Amino acid sequence: MSLGAKALTFSEATSSQAFAERFSASPDSNLPQLIAAAVTHVHDLIKQFRPTQDEWRKVIAFLTEVGHASDERRQEWVLLSDLIGASALVEEINTRRPKSATPNTIRGPFFRNDAPERASGSSISLDGIGEPLAVSVRVEDLDGLPIPGAEVVTWQANAEGFYENQQPDLQPEHNLRGLFRTDAQGRFDYRSVVPSGYGVPDDGPVGRLLAEAGYPLRRPAHLHFVIRAKGFETITTHIYDANDPHLSEDALFGVRPELVTCFEPADVAGKRGKAVSLTFVMMRAKPGRAV
């Protein structure tokens, strides 16, 4: 069988080009170029470090284990993307906003899209374990005008640093999760518990590998939010506790100065706790841009 006059013989010198030229023209997609570029980087790493067959099989075994560790409750691939900064970089590239608008951060691996809707003033802490926290939220536009009817999803770790879907046998279903809607003044409030910072899960292949390499795997205490409103760009972000000692080494690269705030001592439903007041500033979606 003839290889054809223009076909390259695969070798160390021609490996990337030999792969790339197999693609047929695709006028409406950058996918072939993206795949070829990714493969070129992989080939370059192999040429640089020259792994043995056994070492390369260990790489394949790691990727296979990541896949096996992913299911409807745990997404190890998302964790890998988050920890190497890929998720944060994609957010940075795609959500450039005015300085006065709330910046995006990554969603993280513990998000659930089925958070139950709750009334303003209610508690998302279903087990009541932890120091009480009162949260007041306002959603506004760049001109400071309220955005009524905005949908706000929030979720967080508990006082021991665990999310409900990490401990399905220890925490109630949908504990520390809720969906709220802003009123005519763009406001709502709710009660929760003060979250704890935590170590990124190291019981899976991603955490084990990076821990072995000496990578910091701490996350400072934070609250998660996704804010949606018709005609505006969706905000996916964190709010960080200013008193957490690990702000400078967030393993997921989410900390921004404008997202750090103080959780102040306060009376919460007759108990000593903390309170935080938050304002999220949305920008209008550009024509043709998904919201």
C-alpha atoms as a PDB file:
ATOM      1  CA  MET A   1       0.000   0.000   0.000  1.00  0.00           C
ATOM      2  CA  SER A   2       1.394   3.391  -0.999  1.00  0.00           C
ATOM      3  CA  LEU A   3       1.627   6.135   1.616  1.00  0.00           C
ATOM      4  CA  GLY A   4       1.189   8.832  -1.002  1.00  0.00           C
ATOM      5  CA  ALA A   5       3.663  11.377  -2.245  1.00  0.00           C
ATOM      6  CA  LYS A   6       2.916  13.987   0.407  1.00  0.00           C
ATOM      7  CA  ALA A   7       2.490  11.759   3.462  1.00  0.00           C
ATOM      8  CA  LEU A   8       5.144  12.201   6.135  1.00  0.00           C
ATOM      9  CA  THR A   9       6.817   9.190   7.653  1.00  0.00           C
ATOM     10  CA  PHE A  10       6.271   9.330  11.413  1.00  0.00           C
ATOM     11  CA  SER A  11       9.485   9.996  13.347  1.00  0.00           C
ATOM     12  CA  GLU A  12      10.647  11.952  16.375  1.00  0.00           C
ATOM     13  CA  ALA A  13      11.342  14.943  14.160  1.00  0.00           C
ATOM     14  CA  THR A  14       8.029  14.846  12.253  1.00  0.00           C
ATOM     15  CA  SER A  15       5.573  13.466  14.855  1.00  0.00           C
ATOM     16  CA  SER A  16       3.475  16.603  15.402  1.00  0.00           C
ATOM     17  CA  GLN A  17       3.307  17.523  11.731  1.00  0.00           C
ATOM     18  CA  ALA A  18       2.472  13.949  10.738  1.00  0.00           C
ATOM     19  CA  PHE A  19      -0.467  14.025  13.160  1.00  0.00           C
ATOM     20  CA  ALA A  20      -1.706  17.488  12.150  1.00  0.00           C
ATOM     21  CA  GLU A  21      -1.750  16.828   8.405  1.00  0.00           C
ATOM     22  CA  ARG A  22      -4.255  13.977   8.870  1.00  0.00           C
ATOM     23  CA  PHE A  23      -7.068  16.492   9.511  1.00  0.00           C
ATOM     24  CA  SER A  24      -9.323  17.427   6.638  1.00  0.00           C
ATOM     25  CA  ALA A  25     -10.244  21.088   6.180  1.00  0.00           C
ATOM     26  CA  SER A  26     -12.961  22.323   8.559  1.00  0.00           C
ATOM     27  CA  PRO A  27     -13.955  25.876   7.588  1.00  0.00           C
ATOM     28  CA  ASP A  28     -16.349  26.516  10.467  1.00  0.00           C
ATOM     29  CA  SER A  29     -14.358  25.159  13.397  1.00  0.00           C
ATOM     30  CA  ASN A  30     -11.071  25.721  15.212  1.00  0.00           C
ATOM     31  CA  LEU A  31     -11.269  22.203  16.628  1.00  0.00           C
ATOM     32  CA  PRO A  32      -8.626  20.616  14.339  1.00  0.00           C
ATOM     33  CA  GLN A  33      -6.141  23.402  15.095  1.00  0.00           C
ATOM     34  CA  LEU A  34      -6.865  23.158  18.832  1.00  0.00           C
ATOM     35  CA  ILE A  35      -6.371  19.389  18.868  1.00  0.00           C
ATOM     36  CA  ALA A  36      -3.207  19.628  16.769  1.00  0.00           C
ATOM     37  CA  ALA A  37      -1.774  22.326  19.056  1.00  0.00           C
ATOM     38  CA  ALA A  38      -2.527  20.246  22.168  1.00  0.00           C
ATOM     39  CA  VAL A  39      -0.914  17.176  20.621  1.00  0.00           C
ATOM     40  CA  THR A  40       2.143  19.236  19.639  1.00  0.00           C
ATOM     41  CA  HIS A  41       2.594  20.253  23.277  1.00  0.00           C
ATOM     42  CA  VAL A  42       2.258  16.624  24.406  1.00  0.00           C
ATOM     43  CA  HIS A  43       4.827  15.513  21.831  1.00  0.00           C
ATOM     44  CA  ASP A  44       7.173  18.310  22.910  1.00  0.00           C
ATOM     45  CA  LEU A  45       6.929  17.196  26.548  1.00  0.00           C
ATOM     46  CA  ILE A  46       7.691  13.620  25.560  1.00  0.00           C
ATOM     47  CA  LYS A  47      10.708  14.742  23.538  1.00  0.00           C
ATOM     48  CA  GLN A  48      11.919  16.921  26.421  1.00  0.00           C
ATOM     49  CA  PHE A  49      11.560  14.385  29.253  1.00  0.00           C
ATOM     50  CA  ARG A  50      11.929  11.196  27.179  1.00  0.00           C
ATOM     51  CA  PRO A  51       9.837   8.915  29.442  1.00  0.00           C
ATOM     52  CA  THR A  52      10.275   5.175  29.354  1.00  0.00           C
ATOM     53  CA  GLN A  53       7.372   2.997  28.253  1.00  0.00           C
ATOM     54  CA  ASP A  54       6.706   2.170  31.911  1.00  0.00           C
ATOM     55  CA  GLU A  55       6.644   5.849  32.879  1.00  0.00           C
ATOM     56  CA  TRP A  56       4.224   6.655  30.065  1.00  0.00           C
ATOM     57  CA  ARG A  57       1.975   3.785  31.122  1.00  0.00           C
ATOM     58  CA  LYS A  58       1.847   5.413  34.580  1.00  0.00           C
ATOM     59  CA  VAL A  59       0.623   8.643  32.952  1.00  0.00           C
ATOM     60  CA  ILE A  60      -2.108   6.698  31.142  1.00  0.00           C
ATOM     61  CA  ALA A  61      -2.995   4.906  34.391  1.00  0.00           C
ATOM     62  CA  PHE A  62      -3.334   8.278  36.167  1.00  0.00           C
ATOM     63  CA  LEU A  63      -5.686   9.641  33.497  1.00  0.00           C
ATOM     64  CA  THR A  64      -7.694   6.416  33.595  1.00  0.00           C
ATOM     65  CA  GLU A  65      -8.010   6.660  37.379  1.00  0.00           C
ATOM     66  CA  VAL A  66      -9.212  10.268  37.069  1.00  0.00           C
ATOM     67  CA  GLY A  67     -12.000   9.040  34.796  1.00  0.00           C
ATOM     68  CA  HIS A  68     -12.954   6.253  37.165  1.00  0.00           C
ATOM     69  CA  ALA A  69     -13.111   8.729  40.072  1.00  0.00           C
ATOM     70  CA  SER A  70     -15.673  10.924  38.268  1.00  0.00           C
ATOM     71  CA  ASP A  71     -19.403  10.377  38.707  1.00  0.00           C
ATOM     72  CA  GLU A  72     -22.614  12.353  39.297  1.00  0.00           C
ATOM     73  CA  ARG A  73     -21.463  13.376  42.778  1.00  0.00           C
ATOM     74  CA  ARG A  74     -17.747  13.922  42.190  1.00  0.00           C
ATOM     75  CA  GLN A  75     -16.008  15.364  39.124  1.00  0.00           C
ATOM     76  CA  GLU A  76     -12.308  14.566  39.303  1.00  0.00           C
ATOM     77  CA  TRP A  77     -11.706  16.005  35.811  1.00  0.00           C
ATOM     78  CA  VAL A  78     -13.083  19.360  36.989  1.00  0.00           C
ATOM     79  CA  LEU A  79     -10.831  19.164  40.039  1.00  0.00           C
ATOM     80  CA  LEU A  80      -7.813  18.548  37.805  1.00  0.00           C
ATOM     81  CA  SER A  81      -8.731  21.490  35.564  1.00  0.00           C
ATOM     82  CA  ASP A  82      -9.236  23.705  38.614  1.00  0.00           C
ATOM     83  CA  LEU A  83      -5.995  22.783  40.370  1.00  0.00           C
ATOM     84  CA  ILE A  84      -3.742  23.359  37.366  1.00  0.00           C
ATOM     85  CA  GLY A  85      -5.268  26.802  36.828  1.00  0.00           C
ATOM     86  CA  ALA A  86      -6.903  25.883  33.503  1.00  0.00           C
ATOM     87  CA  SER A  87     -10.427  26.690  34.719  1.00  0.00           C
ATOM     88  CA  ALA A  88      -9.315  30.037  36.157  1.00  0.00           C
ATOM     89  CA  LEU A  89      -7.542  30.944  32.922  1.00  0.00           C
ATOM     90  CA  VAL A  90     -10.610  30.156  30.803  1.00  0.00           C
ATOM     91  CA  GLU A  91     -12.711  32.371  33.092  1.00  0.00           C
ATOM     92  CA  GLU A  92     -10.137  35.173  32.908  1.00  0.00           C
ATOM     93  CA  ILE A  93     -10.067  35.109  29.119  1.00  0.00           C
ATOM     94  CA  ASN A  94     -13.833  34.933  28.639  1.00  0.00           C
ATOM     95  CA  THR A  95     -15.166  37.298  31.306  1.00  0.00           C
ATOM     96  CA  ARG A  96     -13.266  40.566  31.099  1.00  0.00           C
ATOM     97  CA  ARG A  97     -15.386  43.150  32.872  1.00  0.00           C
ATOM     98  CA  PRO A  98     -15.170  46.763  34.037  1.00  0.00           C
ATOM     99  CA  LYS A  99     -13.374  47.137  37.363  1.00  0.00           C
ATOM    100  CA  SER A 100     -16.636  48.051  39.102  1.00  0.00           C
ATOM    101  CA  ALA A 101     -18.344  44.808  38.019  1.00  0.00           C
ATOM    102  CA  THR A 102     -18.086  41.645  40.115  1.00  0.00           C
ATOM    103  CA  PRO A 103     -15.395  39.364  38.640  1.00  0.00           C
ATOM    104  CA  ASN A 104     -15.949  35.747  37.755  1.00  0.00           C
ATOM    105  CA  THR A 105     -14.144  32.903  39.428  1.00  0.00           C
ATOM    106  CA  ILE A 106     -14.441  29.191  38.762  1.00  0.00           C
ATOM    107  CA  ARG A 107     -17.503  27.198  39.781  1.00  0.00           C
ATOM    108  CA  GLY A 108     -15.525  24.404  41.422  1.00  0.00           C
ATOM    109  CA  PRO A 109     -16.199  20.659  41.545  1.00  0.00           C
ATOM    110  CA  PHE A 110     -18.968  20.646  44.203  1.00  0.00           C
ATOM    111  CA  PHE A 111     -21.655  22.658  42.397  1.00  0.00           C
ATOM    112  CA  ARG A 112     -25.091  21.081  41.947  1.00  0.00           C
ATOM    113  CA  ASN A 113     -27.646  22.411  39.465  1.00  0.00           C
ATOM    114  CA  ASP A 114     -30.622  21.272  41.558  1.00  0.00           C
ATOM    115  CA  ALA A 115     -30.368  23.589  44.568  1.00  0.00           C
ATOM    116  CA  PRO A 116     -33.860  24.000  46.082  1.00  0.00           C
ATOM    117  CA  GLU A 117     -35.535  27.405  45.923  1.00  0.00           C
ATOM    118  CA  ARG A 118     -35.790  29.053  49.323  1.00  0.00           C
ATOM    119  CA  ALA A 119     -37.576  32.131  50.642  1.00  0.00           C
ATOM    120  CA  SER A 120     -35.713  35.252  51.676  1.00  0.00           C
ATOM    121  CA  GLY A 121     -34.916  35.098  55.384  1.00  0.00           C
ATOM    122  CA  SER A 122     -34.767  31.309  55.532  1.00  0.00           C
ATOM    123  CA  SER A 123     -31.810  29.157  56.516  1.00  0.00           C
ATOM    124  CA  ILE A 124     -29.827  26.945  54.157  1.00  0.00           C
ATOM    125  CA  SER A 125     -28.277  25.107  57.131  1.00  0.00           C
ATOM    126  CA  LEU A 126     -30.496  22.059  57.458  1.00  0.00           C
ATOM    127  CA  ASP A 127     -28.584  20.490  60.345  1.00  0.00           C
ATOM    128  CA  GLY A 128     -27.852  23.725  62.243  1.00  0.00           C
ATOM    129  CA  ILE A 129     -24.292  22.651  62.990  1.00  0.00           C
ATOM    130  CA  GLY A 130     -21.783  25.499  63.194  1.00  0.00           C
ATOM    131  CA  GLU A 131     -21.441  29.164  64.094  1.00  0.00           C
ATOM    132  CA  PRO A 132     -24.501  31.076  62.816  1.00  0.00           C
ATOM    133  CA  LEU A 133     -23.993  33.357  59.814  1.00  0.00           C
ATOM    134  CA  ALA A 134     -26.378  36.025  58.487  1.00  0.00           C
ATOM    135  CA  VAL A 135     -25.933  36.946  54.819  1.00  0.00           C
ATOM    136  CA  SER A 136     -27.490  40.009  53.185  1.00  0.00           C
ATOM    137  CA  VAL A 137     -27.290  40.259  49.396  1.00  0.00           C
ATOM    138  CA  ARG A 138     -27.942  43.072  46.919  1.00  0.00           C
ATOM    139  CA  VAL A 139     -27.711  42.655  43.151  1.00  0.00           C
ATOM    140  CA  GLU A 140     -27.324  45.816  41.070  1.00  0.00           C
ATOM    141  CA  ASP A 141     -26.166  47.033  37.670  1.00  0.00           C
ATOM    142  CA  LEU A 142     -23.164  49.188  36.825  1.00  0.00           C
ATOM    143  CA  ASP A 143     -25.193  52.325  37.537  1.00  0.00           C
ATOM    144  CA  GLY A 144     -26.081  51.127  41.036  1.00  0.00           C
ATOM    145  CA  LEU A 145     -29.697  50.387  40.123  1.00  0.00           C
ATOM    146  CA  PRO A 146     -31.272  47.269  41.663  1.00  0.00           C
ATOM    147  CA  ILE A 147     -31.916  44.191  39.545  1.00  0.00           C
ATOM    148  CA  PRO A 148     -35.212  42.641  40.667  1.00  0.00           C
ATOM    149  CA  GLY A 149     -35.959  38.993  39.978  1.00  0.00           C
ATOM    150  CA  ALA A 150     -32.314  37.952  39.704  1.00  0.00           C
ATOM    151  CA  GLU A 151     -31.738  34.259  40.417  1.00  0.00           C
ATOM    152  CA  VAL A 152     -28.969  33.618  42.930  1.00  0.00           C
ATOM    153  CA  VAL A 153     -27.678  30.124  43.681  1.00  0.00           C
ATOM    154  CA  THR A 154     -25.423  29.745  46.696  1.00  0.00           C
ATOM    155  CA  TRP A 155     -23.546  26.790  48.168  1.00  0.00           C
ATOM    156  CA  GLN A 156     -20.735  26.317  50.664  1.00  0.00           C
ATOM    157  CA  ALA A 157     -18.749  23.959  52.845  1.00  0.00           C
ATOM    158  CA  ASN A 158     -19.832  23.335  56.418  1.00  0.00           C
ATOM    159  CA  ALA A 159     -17.992  24.264  59.615  1.00  0.00           C
ATOM    160  CA  GLU A 160     -15.662  21.284  59.123  1.00  0.00           C
ATOM    161  CA  GLY A 161     -14.825  22.136  55.510  1.00  0.00           C
ATOM    162  CA  PHE A 162     -17.010  19.546  53.756  1.00  0.00           C
ATOM    163  CA  TYR A 163     -19.706  19.981  51.127  1.00  0.00           C
ATOM    164  CA  GLU A 164     -22.942  18.060  51.383  1.00  0.00           C
ATOM    165  CA  ASN A 165     -22.176  15.956  48.295  1.00  0.00           C
ATOM    166  CA  GLN A 166     -18.874  14.912  49.878  1.00  0.00           C
ATOM    167  CA  GLN A 167     -20.729  13.505  52.880  1.00  0.00           C
ATOM    168  CA  PRO A 168     -24.046  12.125  51.617  1.00  0.00           C
ATOM    169  CA  ASP A 169     -24.337   9.877  54.674  1.00  0.00           C
ATOM    170  CA  LEU A 170     -23.483  12.605  57.212  1.00  0.00           C
ATOM    171  CA  GLN A 171     -25.185  15.747  55.906  1.00  0.00           C
ATOM    172  CA  PRO A 172     -28.819  16.228  54.834  1.00  0.00           C
ATOM    173  CA  GLU A 173     -29.529  16.350  51.107  1.00  0.00           C
ATOM    174  CA  HIS A 174     -28.998  19.912  49.795  1.00  0.00           C
ATOM    175  CA  ASN A 175     -27.503  21.080  53.080  1.00  0.00           C
ATOM    176  CA  LEU A 176     -25.956  24.547  52.743  1.00  0.00           C
ATOM    177  CA  ARG A 177     -27.398  25.065  49.267  1.00  0.00           C
ATOM    178  CA  GLY A 178     -30.174  27.312  48.087  1.00  0.00           C
ATOM    179  CA  LEU A 179     -31.669  29.293  45.230  1.00  0.00           C
ATOM    180  CA  PHE A 180     -33.004  32.766  46.009  1.00  0.00           C
ATOM    181  CA  ARG A 181     -34.607  35.539  43.960  1.00  0.00           C
ATOM    182  CA  THR A 182     -34.072  39.233  44.525  1.00  0.00           C
ATOM    183  CA  ASP A 183     -37.006  41.502  45.427  1.00  0.00           C
ATOM    184  CA  ALA A 184     -37.906  44.853  43.851  1.00  0.00           C
ATOM    185  CA  GLN A 185     -34.903  46.426  45.595  1.00  0.00           C
ATOM    186  CA  GLY A 186     -32.563  43.738  44.283  1.00  0.00           C
ATOM    187  CA  ARG A 187     -32.210  42.246  47.751  1.00  0.00           C
ATOM    188  CA  PHE A 188     -32.647  39.085  49.786  1.00  0.00           C
ATOM    189  CA  ASP A 189     -31.099  37.637  52.910  1.00  0.00           C
ATOM    190  CA  TYR A 190     -30.602  34.217  54.399  1.00  0.00           C
ATOM    191  CA  ARG A 191     -29.051  32.413  57.315  1.00  0.00           C
ATOM    192  CA  SER A 192     -26.300  29.820  57.225  1.00  0.00           C
ATOM    193  CA  VAL A 193     -23.227  28.817  59.209  1.00  0.00           C
ATOM    194  CA  VAL A 194     -19.699  30.173  58.975  1.00  0.00           C
ATOM    195  CA  PRO A 195     -17.818  27.989  56.459  1.00  0.00           C
ATOM    196  CA  SER A 196     -14.409  26.567  57.144  1.00  0.00           C
ATOM    197  CA  GLY A 197     -11.448  26.553  54.820  1.00  0.00           C
ATOM    198  CA  TYR A 198     -10.395  23.101  53.760  1.00  0.00           C
ATOM    199  CA  GLY A 199      -7.863  20.966  52.022  1.00  0.00           C
ATOM    200  CA  VAL A 200      -8.628  20.078  48.436  1.00  0.00           C
ATOM    201  CA  PRO A 201      -9.667  16.410  48.310  1.00  0.00           C
ATOM    202  CA  ASP A 202      -6.528  14.276  48.290  1.00  0.00           C
ATOM    203  CA  ASP A 203      -8.246  10.908  48.377  1.00  0.00           C
ATOM    204  CA  GLY A 204      -8.409  10.781  44.572  1.00  0.00           C
ATOM    205  CA  PRO A 205      -5.727  10.557  41.885  1.00  0.00           C
ATOM    206  CA  VAL A 206      -5.442  14.339  41.316  1.00  0.00           C
ATOM    207  CA  GLY A 207      -4.953  15.268  44.973  1.00  0.00           C
ATOM    208  CA  ARG A 208      -2.562  12.398  45.605  1.00  0.00           C
ATOM    209  CA  LEU A 209      -0.365  13.326  42.645  1.00  0.00           C
ATOM    210  CA  LEU A 210      -0.119  17.039  43.489  1.00  0.00           C
ATOM    211  CA  ALA A 211       0.375  16.392  47.208  1.00  0.00           C
ATOM    212  CA  GLU A 212       3.248  14.072  46.367  1.00  0.00           C
ATOM    213  CA  ALA A 213       4.741  16.875  44.249  1.00  0.00           C
ATOM    214  CA  GLY A 214       4.519  19.332  47.162  1.00  0.00           C
ATOM    215  CA  TYR A 215       1.729  21.489  45.714  1.00  0.00           C
ATOM    216  CA  PRO A 216      -0.348  23.495  48.277  1.00  0.00           C
ATOM    217  CA  LEU A 217      -3.840  22.057  48.467  1.00  0.00           C
ATOM    218  CA  ARG A 218      -5.605  24.526  50.788  1.00  0.00           C
ATOM    219  CA  ARG A 219      -8.671  26.629  50.042  1.00  0.00           C
ATOM    220  CA  PRO A 220      -9.528  29.640  52.243  1.00  0.00           C
ATOM    221  CA  ALA A 221     -13.048  29.845  53.700  1.00  0.00           C
ATOM    222  CA  HIS A 222     -15.575  31.103  51.160  1.00  0.00           C
ATOM    223  CA  LEU A 223     -19.152  31.220  49.906  1.00  0.00           C
ATOM    224  CA  HIS A 224     -20.067  30.319  46.315  1.00  0.00           C
ATOM    225  CA  PHE A 225     -22.577  32.209  44.163  1.00  0.00           C
ATOM    226  CA  VAL A 226     -24.030  32.020  40.677  1.00  0.00           C
ATOM    227  CA  ILE A 227     -26.140  35.070  39.771  1.00  0.00           C
ATOM    228  CA  ARG A 228     -28.347  35.123  36.668  1.00  0.00           C
ATOM    229  CA  ALA A 229     -30.633  37.862  35.359  1.00  0.00           C
ATOM    230  CA  LYS A 230     -32.195  38.382  31.942  1.00  0.00           C
ATOM    231  CA  GLY A 231     -30.112  40.677  29.777  1.00  0.00           C
ATOM    232  CA  PHE A 232     -27.028  40.463  32.003  1.00  0.00           C
ATOM    233  CA  GLU A 233     -23.857  38.381  31.977  1.00  0.00           C
ATOM    234  CA  THR A 234     -24.051  35.538  34.479  1.00  0.00           C
ATOM    235  CA  ILE A 235     -21.743  35.912  37.469  1.00  0.00           C
ATOM    236  CA  THR A 236     -20.041  32.858  38.928  1.00  0.00           C
ATOM    237  CA  THR A 237     -17.960  33.888  41.902  1.00  0.00           C
ATOM    238  CA  HIS A 238     -16.732  33.387  45.479  1.00  0.00           C
ATOM    239  CA  ILE A 239     -16.748  35.572  48.572  1.00  0.00           C
ATOM    240  CA  TYR A 240     -13.762  34.967  50.848  1.00  0.00           C
ATOM    241  CA  ASP A 241     -13.414  35.437  54.597  1.00  0.00           C
ATOM    242  CA  ALA A 242     -10.808  38.169  55.138  1.00  0.00           C
ATOM    243  CA  ASN A 243      -9.599  36.493  58.343  1.00  0.00           C
ATOM    244  CA  ASP A 244      -8.602  33.218  56.692  1.00  0.00           C
ATOM    245  CA  PRO A 245      -4.805  32.693  56.842  1.00  0.00           C
ATOM    246  CA  HIS A 246      -4.655  30.868  53.491  1.00  0.00           C
ATOM    247  CA  LEU A 247      -5.900  33.648  51.183  1.00  0.00           C
ATOM    248  CA  SER A 248      -2.538  33.942  49.438  1.00  0.00           C
ATOM    249  CA  GLU A 249      -2.336  30.269  48.461  1.00  0.00           C
ATOM    250  CA  ASP A 250      -5.806  29.394  47.228  1.00  0.00           C
ATOM    251  CA  ALA A 251      -5.294  26.150  45.327  1.00  0.00           C
ATOM    252  CA  LEU A 252      -7.908  27.135  42.727  1.00  0.00           C
ATOM    253  CA  PHE A 253      -6.601  30.680  42.032  1.00  0.00           C
ATOM    254  CA  GLY A 254      -9.949  32.294  42.852  1.00  0.00           C
ATOM    255  CA  VAL A 255      -8.994  35.048  45.313  1.00  0.00           C
ATOM    256  CA  ARG A 256      -9.379  38.640  44.092  1.00  0.00           C
ATOM    257  CA  PRO A 257      -9.076  41.659  46.428  1.00  0.00           C
ATOM    258  CA  GLU A 258     -12.651  42.756  45.622  1.00  0.00           C
ATOM    259  CA  LEU A 259     -13.977  39.331  46.652  1.00  0.00           C
ATOM    260  CA  VAL A 260     -12.453  39.388  50.142  1.00  0.00           C
ATOM    261  CA  THR A 261     -14.664  40.733  52.940  1.00  0.00           C
ATOM    262  CA  CYS A 262     -14.938  40.632  56.717  1.00  0.00           C
ATOM    263  CA  PHE A 263     -17.409  38.363  58.453  1.00  0.00           C
ATOM    264  CA  GLU A 264     -18.325  40.635  61.370  1.00  0.00           C
ATOM    265  CA  PRO A 265     -19.490  39.510  64.829  1.00  0.00           C
ATOM    266  CA  ALA A 266     -23.285  39.790  65.085  1.00  0.00           C
ATOM    267  CA  ASP A 267     -26.409  38.483  66.772  1.00  0.00           C
ATOM    268  CA  VAL A 268     -28.038  35.896  64.486  1.00  0.00           C
ATOM    269  CA  ALA A 269     -31.498  34.682  65.507  1.00  0.00           C
ATOM    270  CA  GLY A 270     -30.670  35.192  69.170  1.00  0.00           C
ATOM    271  CA  LYS A 271     -27.244  33.534  69.015  1.00  0.00           C
ATOM    272  CA  ARG A 272     -23.769  34.981  68.757  1.00  0.00           C
ATOM    273  CA  GLY A 273     -22.482  34.553  65.267  1.00  0.00           C
ATOM    274  CA  LYS A 274     -21.297  36.558  62.300  1.00  0.00           C
ATOM    275  CA  ALA A 275     -22.829  38.626  59.518  1.00  0.00           C
ATOM    276  CA  VAL A 276     -21.746  39.658  56.047  1.00  0.00           C
ATOM    277  CA  SER A 277     -23.301  42.099  53.591  1.00  0.00           C
ATOM    278  CA  LEU A 278     -22.613  41.506  49.904  1.00  0.00           C
ATOM    279  CA  THR A 279     -23.222  43.501  46.729  1.00  0.00           C
ATOM    280  CA  PHE A 280     -22.921  41.864  43.325  1.00  0.00           C
ATOM    281  CA  VAL A 281     -22.609  44.175  40.314  1.00  0.00           C
ATOM    282  CA  MET A 282     -23.750  42.782  36.957  1.00  0.00           C
ATOM    283  CA  MET A 283     -22.954  44.106  33.510  1.00  0.00           C
ATOM    284  CA  ARG A 284     -25.330  43.909  30.597  1.00  0.00           C
ATOM    285  CA  ALA A 285     -24.693  41.121  28.127  1.00  0.00           C
ATOM    286  CA  LYS A 286     -23.214  42.136  24.805  1.00  0.00           C
ATOM    287  CA  PRO A 287     -25.372  41.435  21.727  1.00  0.00           C
ATOM    288  CA  GLY A 288     -25.056  37.816  20.697  1.00  0.00           C
ATOM    289  CA  ARG A 289     -23.316  36.809  23.928  1.00  0.00           C
ATOM    290  CA  ALA A 290     -24.876  34.024  25.962  1.00  0.00           C
ATOM    291  CA  VAL A 291     -26.109  34.979  29.423  1.00  0.00           C
END
